[in-house]
Amino acid sequence: MRTLIPSAQQPRDGQTSDEPDLHAHYGHDWLDVGGVRANFVCSVDGAVTASGLSRGLQTPGDNRVFAALRDLADVVLVGARTATAEGYRALRRSGKSAARRTDRGLLPQLPIALVSRSLVLDPAAELFTAADPSARTIVLTGGGADRSRRAALAGVADVIECGEQELDLAAACAALRARGLRRILCEGGPTLLASLAAEGLVDELCLSVSPLLAGPGAERIVTGAPWPDSLALTLVGLLEEDGAFFSRYAVAVRTAAE
C-alpha cells in the first residue's frame, strides 16, 4: 500500500512512504477530535454490494483499513438490517488490537450500537449474548418502539430511547457521546448514512473503491429520499493498493467533540 495524499503524518524511522501506518494515517485529527466517521466500500461504478453483500467488494487493503478504523473507534454504529444481512457478531478485541486501543487511550473492548426503529431483533443472537460485559451491545430506538420487544432486549443489551416517538439520530449520537463514546464509527447501511448525512451529523467519510464493475442493480452508499442540497467533501487522505483506492474525506470544518 502506498500513500498518495498524507494526513499530515510523516513516515516513522525505517518506514517508507509505500508502507503507511494506517493507525497514524486515520488517527490524525480524529483521536483528539472525535465525531461521526462513516466507513464504506464501493465498486468503481458506485455499487455498495456485490452479490448482495459488501464483502463481495472487499480487498486485502480494505480489510486492513476496516480493522484500523475499528481500532480507533469508541463504538461501531450500524443499522439493524445491515447487521443482520452482514452477520454482525459481538466484537471481542484480540490482545494486539486491545493493546493498540489502550495505547491510544481507548477502552480495550469495542461495543456495537444498533439503530432499530422496530426492535425486531433476536435477544438470543450472538451479537447480544457474546458481547464482553464491559462492552454490551447498545440498541438505539425511539420512544414509540414496541414495549414488549424492548423489555426482551433489556436483559441482553443497553436499550436507549432517543426521541419521544420516532428515533432521533441527533439524540442517538448525543446519547453515545454522553456515555463517553465520542469516536463513532458508522458502518452502514446506505439508509442510515443518508439520514445521518442529511441531518449534518457526519464529520468524515472513509471510502474504499474496489477496482471492479459490479454492474446494474446494486444500491449506492446512500439511499432514500432526495436531499435538497449536495454535501461538499474535502479530500484529506488517499492510499492505493493493487488498483484499489482508500480515501478519507472531511465533511466540514470540525471542532472538538463534546
Protein backbone atom coordinates (compact mmCIF):
# COMPACT_ATOMS: atom_id res chain seq x y z
CA MET A 1 0.00 0.00 0.00
CA ARG A 2 1.28 3.48 -0.80
CA THR A 3 0.33 6.97 0.36
CA LEU A 4 -0.82 9.37 -2.38
CA ILE A 5 -2.10 12.13 -0.10
CA PRO A 6 -0.87 12.09 3.52
CA SER A 7 -2.91 13.16 6.53
CA ALA A 8 -0.03 15.37 7.70
CA GLN A 9 1.71 12.30 9.06
CA GLN A 10 5.35 11.62 8.21
CA PRO A 11 6.76 8.06 7.95
CA ARG A 12 8.46 6.75 11.07
CA ASP A 13 12.17 5.88 11.11
CA GLY A 14 12.77 2.88 8.89
CA GLN A 15 9.33 3.17 7.29
CA THR A 16 8.95 4.07 3.62
CA SER A 17 6.11 6.04 2.07
CA ASP A 18 4.94 2.77 0.49
CA GLU A 19 4.29 1.34 3.96
CA PRO A 20 1.82 3.72 5.59
CA ASP A 21 1.00 3.39 9.26
CA LEU A 22 -2.78 3.03 8.95
CA HIS A 23 -3.39 3.88 12.59
CA ALA A 24 -1.39 7.10 12.25
CA HIS A 25 -3.00 7.94 8.89
CA TYR A 26 -6.56 7.53 10.16
CA GLY A 27 -5.86 8.62 13.73
CA HIS A 28 -4.58 12.08 12.81
CA ASP A 29 -7.22 14.76 13.53
CA TRP A 30 -9.54 12.02 14.79
CA LEU A 31 -8.40 10.63 18.11
CA ASP A 32 -8.31 14.05 19.77
CA VAL A 33 -11.32 15.49 17.94
CA GLY A 34 -13.77 12.58 17.65
CA GLY A 35 -17.08 12.81 15.82
CA VAL A 36 -19.02 10.55 13.47
CA ARG A 37 -16.91 8.76 10.89
CA ALA A 38 -18.57 6.67 8.16
CA ASN A 39 -16.72 3.78 6.54
CA PHE A 40 -17.95 2.28 3.26
CA VAL A 41 -16.66 0.25 0.34
CA CYS A 42 -17.98 0.53 -3.21
CA SER A 43 -17.11 -0.56 -6.74
CA VAL A 44 -15.80 1.80 -9.41
CA ASP A 45 -19.35 2.09 -10.76
CA GLY A 46 -20.67 3.04 -7.31
CA ALA A 47 -22.24 -0.23 -6.15
CA VAL A 48 -22.24 -0.75 -2.39
CA THR A 49 -22.64 -4.54 -2.69
CA ALA A 50 -21.66 -7.39 -4.99
CA SER A 51 -23.96 -10.42 -4.95
CA GLY A 52 -25.96 -8.64 -2.27
CA LEU A 53 -23.16 -8.20 0.30
CA SER A 54 -20.40 -5.67 0.89
CA ARG A 55 -17.87 -8.46 1.40
CA GLY A 56 -18.02 -9.10 -2.34
CA LEU A 57 -16.22 -5.76 -2.79
CA GLN A 58 -13.60 -6.15 -0.10
CA THR A 59 -9.87 -6.35 -0.84
CA PRO A 60 -6.98 -7.20 1.49
CA GLY A 61 -6.23 -3.48 1.80
CA ASP A 62 -9.85 -2.67 2.58
CA ASN A 63 -9.84 -5.30 5.31
CA ARG A 64 -6.75 -3.74 6.91
CA VAL A 65 -8.29 -0.26 6.77
CA PHE A 66 -11.53 -1.67 8.21
CA ALA A 67 -9.62 -3.18 11.15
CA ALA A 68 -7.61 0.00 11.78
CA LEU A 69 -10.74 2.16 11.83
CA ARG A 70 -12.28 -0.15 14.42
CA ASP A 71 -9.10 0.07 16.49
CA LEU A 72 -9.56 3.87 16.53
CA ALA A 73 -13.27 3.93 17.45
CA ASP A 74 -15.15 4.06 20.74
CA VAL A 75 -18.26 2.44 19.25
CA VAL A 76 -19.45 0.94 15.96
CA LEU A 77 -22.81 2.36 14.80
CA VAL A 78 -24.78 0.18 12.38
CA GLY A 79 -28.35 -0.22 11.17
CA ALA A 80 -30.12 -3.34 12.39
CA ARG A 81 -30.89 -4.57 8.88
CA THR A 82 -27.26 -4.21 7.83
CA ALA A 83 -26.09 -6.00 10.96
CA THR A 84 -28.43 -8.90 10.19
CA ALA A 85 -27.57 -9.09 6.48
CA GLU A 86 -23.81 -8.91 7.08
CA GLY A 87 -23.85 -11.35 10.01
CA TYR A 88 -22.54 -8.98 12.68
CA ARG A 89 -21.32 -10.56 15.90
CA ALA A 90 -20.16 -9.08 19.18
CA LEU A 91 -16.66 -7.61 18.85
CA ARG A 92 -14.09 -9.27 21.07
CA ARG A 93 -10.81 -7.45 20.51
CA SER A 94 -7.68 -9.60 20.42
CA GLY A 95 -4.61 -8.98 22.54
CA LYS A 96 -2.85 -6.93 19.87
CA SER A 97 -5.96 -4.97 18.93
CA ALA A 98 -6.82 -4.32 22.57
CA ALA A 99 -3.26 -3.15 23.18
CA ARG A 100 -3.37 -0.79 20.19
CA ARG A 101 -6.55 0.67 21.61
CA THR A 102 -5.31 1.15 25.16
CA ASP A 103 -2.03 2.63 23.87
CA ARG A 104 -4.16 5.37 22.30
CA GLY A 105 -6.31 5.97 25.35
CA LEU A 106 -9.32 3.91 24.20
CA LEU A 107 -11.02 1.16 26.18
CA PRO A 108 -9.81 -2.33 25.19
CA GLN A 109 -13.22 -3.57 24.04
CA LEU A 110 -15.43 -2.07 21.33
CA PRO A 111 -19.23 -2.08 21.65
CA ILE A 112 -21.71 -2.14 18.78
CA ALA A 113 -24.64 0.29 18.73
CA LEU A 114 -27.60 -0.90 16.67
CA VAL A 115 -30.09 1.56 15.19
CA SER A 116 -33.54 -0.02 15.18
CA ARG A 117 -36.93 1.63 14.94
CA SER A 118 -38.92 -1.62 15.03
CA LEU A 119 -36.82 -3.60 17.56
CA VAL A 120 -37.41 -6.75 15.51
CA LEU A 121 -34.24 -8.30 16.90
CA ASP A 122 -33.42 -11.70 18.35
CA PRO A 123 -32.30 -11.39 22.01
CA ALA A 124 -30.63 -14.81 21.68
CA ALA A 125 -28.40 -13.65 18.82
CA GLU A 126 -24.65 -13.82 19.38
CA LEU A 127 -24.47 -10.08 18.80
CA PHE A 128 -26.03 -9.74 22.25
CA THR A 129 -25.13 -12.90 24.15
CA ALA A 130 -21.42 -12.98 23.25
CA ALA A 131 -20.66 -9.33 23.94
CA ASP A 132 -17.99 -8.59 26.51
CA PRO A 133 -19.60 -7.45 29.80
CA SER A 134 -17.59 -4.23 29.57
CA ALA A 135 -18.91 -3.53 26.05
CA ARG A 136 -22.53 -4.63 25.97
CA THR A 137 -24.36 -4.15 22.69
CA ILE A 138 -26.35 -0.92 22.62
CA VAL A 139 -29.74 -0.57 20.93
CA LEU A 140 -30.86 2.93 19.89
CA THR A 141 -34.57 3.29 19.26
CA GLY A 142 -37.47 5.72 19.52
CA GLY A 143 -39.88 6.14 22.40
CA GLY A 144 -42.71 4.68 20.32
CA ALA A 145 -40.99 1.30 19.84
CA ASP A 146 -42.80 -1.85 20.93
CA ARG A 147 -42.55 -2.16 24.73
CA SER A 148 -42.55 -5.96 24.84
CA ARG A 149 -39.67 -6.15 22.36
CA ARG A 150 -37.81 -3.52 24.35
CA ALA A 151 -38.29 -5.49 27.56
CA ALA A 152 -37.00 -8.68 25.89
CA LEU A 153 -33.82 -6.90 24.77
CA ALA A 154 -33.21 -5.09 28.04
CA GLY A 155 -31.66 -8.17 29.65
CA VAL A 156 -29.00 -8.61 26.97
CA ALA A 157 -28.40 -5.05 25.71
CA ASP A 158 -28.43 -1.43 26.78
CA VAL A 159 -31.59 -0.05 25.17
CA ILE A 160 -31.57 3.74 24.85
CA GLU A 161 -34.66 5.76 23.96
CA CYS A 162 -33.74 8.54 21.52
CA GLY A 163 -36.79 10.63 20.66
CA GLU A 164 -40.28 10.77 22.14
CA GLN A 165 -41.84 8.68 19.36
CA GLU A 166 -39.64 8.33 16.28
CA LEU A 167 -35.94 7.63 16.53
CA ASP A 168 -33.96 10.89 16.61
CA LEU A 169 -30.47 10.33 15.19
CA ALA A 170 -29.06 13.54 16.67
CA ALA A 171 -30.29 12.39 20.08
CA ALA A 172 -28.81 8.94 19.42
CA CYS A 173 -25.35 10.40 18.69
CA ALA A 174 -25.66 12.65 21.75
CA ALA A 175 -26.56 9.63 23.89
CA LEU A 176 -23.43 7.81 22.74
CA ARG A 177 -21.27 10.85 23.47
CA ALA A 178 -22.85 11.13 26.92
CA ARG A 179 -21.51 7.64 27.61
CA GLY A 180 -18.01 8.76 26.62
CA LEU A 181 -18.30 7.16 23.18
CA ARG A 182 -17.31 10.21 21.15
CA ARG A 183 -15.44 8.47 18.33
CA ILE A 184 -18.39 6.95 16.47
CA LEU A 185 -17.68 4.69 13.50
CA CYS A 186 -20.72 4.23 11.26
CA GLU A 187 -20.57 1.08 9.11
CA GLY A 188 -23.93 1.43 7.39
CA GLY A 189 -26.14 0.76 5.78
CA PRO A 190 -26.93 3.23 2.99
CA THR A 191 -30.20 4.38 4.58
CA LEU A 192 -28.51 5.15 7.90
CA LEU A 193 -25.63 7.01 6.24
CA ALA A 194 -28.05 9.05 4.12
CA SER A 195 -30.08 10.01 7.19
CA LEU A 196 -27.03 10.93 9.26
CA ALA A 197 -25.52 12.99 6.44
CA ALA A 198 -28.81 14.73 5.66
CA GLU A 199 -29.01 15.86 9.30
CA GLY A 200 -25.44 17.16 9.28
CA LEU A 201 -24.22 14.51 11.72
CA VAL A 202 -21.35 13.03 9.66
CA ASP A 203 -17.90 14.54 10.15
CA GLU A 204 -15.84 12.24 7.96
CA LEU A 205 -16.23 9.65 5.21
CA CYS A 206 -13.68 6.88 4.67
CA LEU A 207 -14.44 5.33 1.28
CA SER A 208 -12.71 2.32 -0.26
CA VAL A 209 -13.14 1.96 -4.03
CA SER A 210 -12.54 -1.56 -5.32
CA PRO A 211 -11.21 -2.00 -8.88
CA LEU A 212 -14.24 -3.75 -10.37
CA LEU A 213 -17.53 -3.06 -12.10
CA ALA A 214 -20.42 -4.58 -10.15
CA GLY A 215 -22.99 -3.88 -12.85
CA PRO A 216 -26.54 -2.52 -12.58
CA GLY A 217 -28.89 -3.15 -9.71
CA ALA A 218 -26.96 -2.51 -6.51
CA GLU A 219 -27.57 0.46 -4.22
CA ARG A 220 -25.13 3.31 -3.75
CA ILE A 221 -23.61 4.16 -0.35
CA VAL A 222 -26.62 6.42 0.30
CA THR A 223 -30.26 5.70 -0.43
CA GLY A 224 -33.66 7.12 0.45
CA ALA A 225 -35.38 10.44 -0.16
CA PRO A 226 -33.50 13.01 -2.31
CA TRP A 227 -31.56 15.71 -0.49
CA PRO A 228 -32.33 19.37 -1.17
CA ASP A 229 -28.61 20.13 -1.47
CA SER A 230 -25.46 18.13 -2.13
CA LEU A 231 -22.81 17.74 0.55
CA ALA A 232 -19.31 19.08 -0.13
CA LEU A 233 -16.32 16.96 0.86
CA THR A 234 -12.61 17.74 1.23
CA LEU A 235 -10.09 15.02 0.42
CA VAL A 236 -7.60 14.82 3.30
CA GLY A 237 -6.04 11.40 2.73
CA LEU A 238 -5.64 8.90 -0.08
CA LEU A 239 -3.98 5.47 -0.18
CA GLU A 240 -3.68 2.96 -3.03
CA GLU A 241 -3.04 -0.77 -3.27
CA ASP A 242 -3.45 -3.07 -6.27
CA GLY A 243 -5.75 -0.63 -8.04
CA ALA A 244 -8.00 -0.05 -5.02
CA PHE A 245 -8.20 3.44 -3.50
CA PHE A 246 -8.78 4.27 0.16
CA SER A 247 -9.91 7.86 0.57
CA ARG A 248 -10.52 9.94 3.65
CA TYR A 249 -12.89 12.91 3.25
CA ALA A 250 -13.68 15.64 5.75
CA VAL A 251 -17.31 16.73 5.53
CA ALA A 252 -16.98 20.12 7.21
CA VAL A 253 -14.74 22.26 9.39
CA ARG A 254 -14.60 20.29 12.61
CA THR A 255 -14.36 21.35 16.22
CA ALA A 256 -13.63 19.33 19.33
CA ALA A 257 -16.40 16.85 20.11
CA GLU A 258 -18.48 17.33 23.22
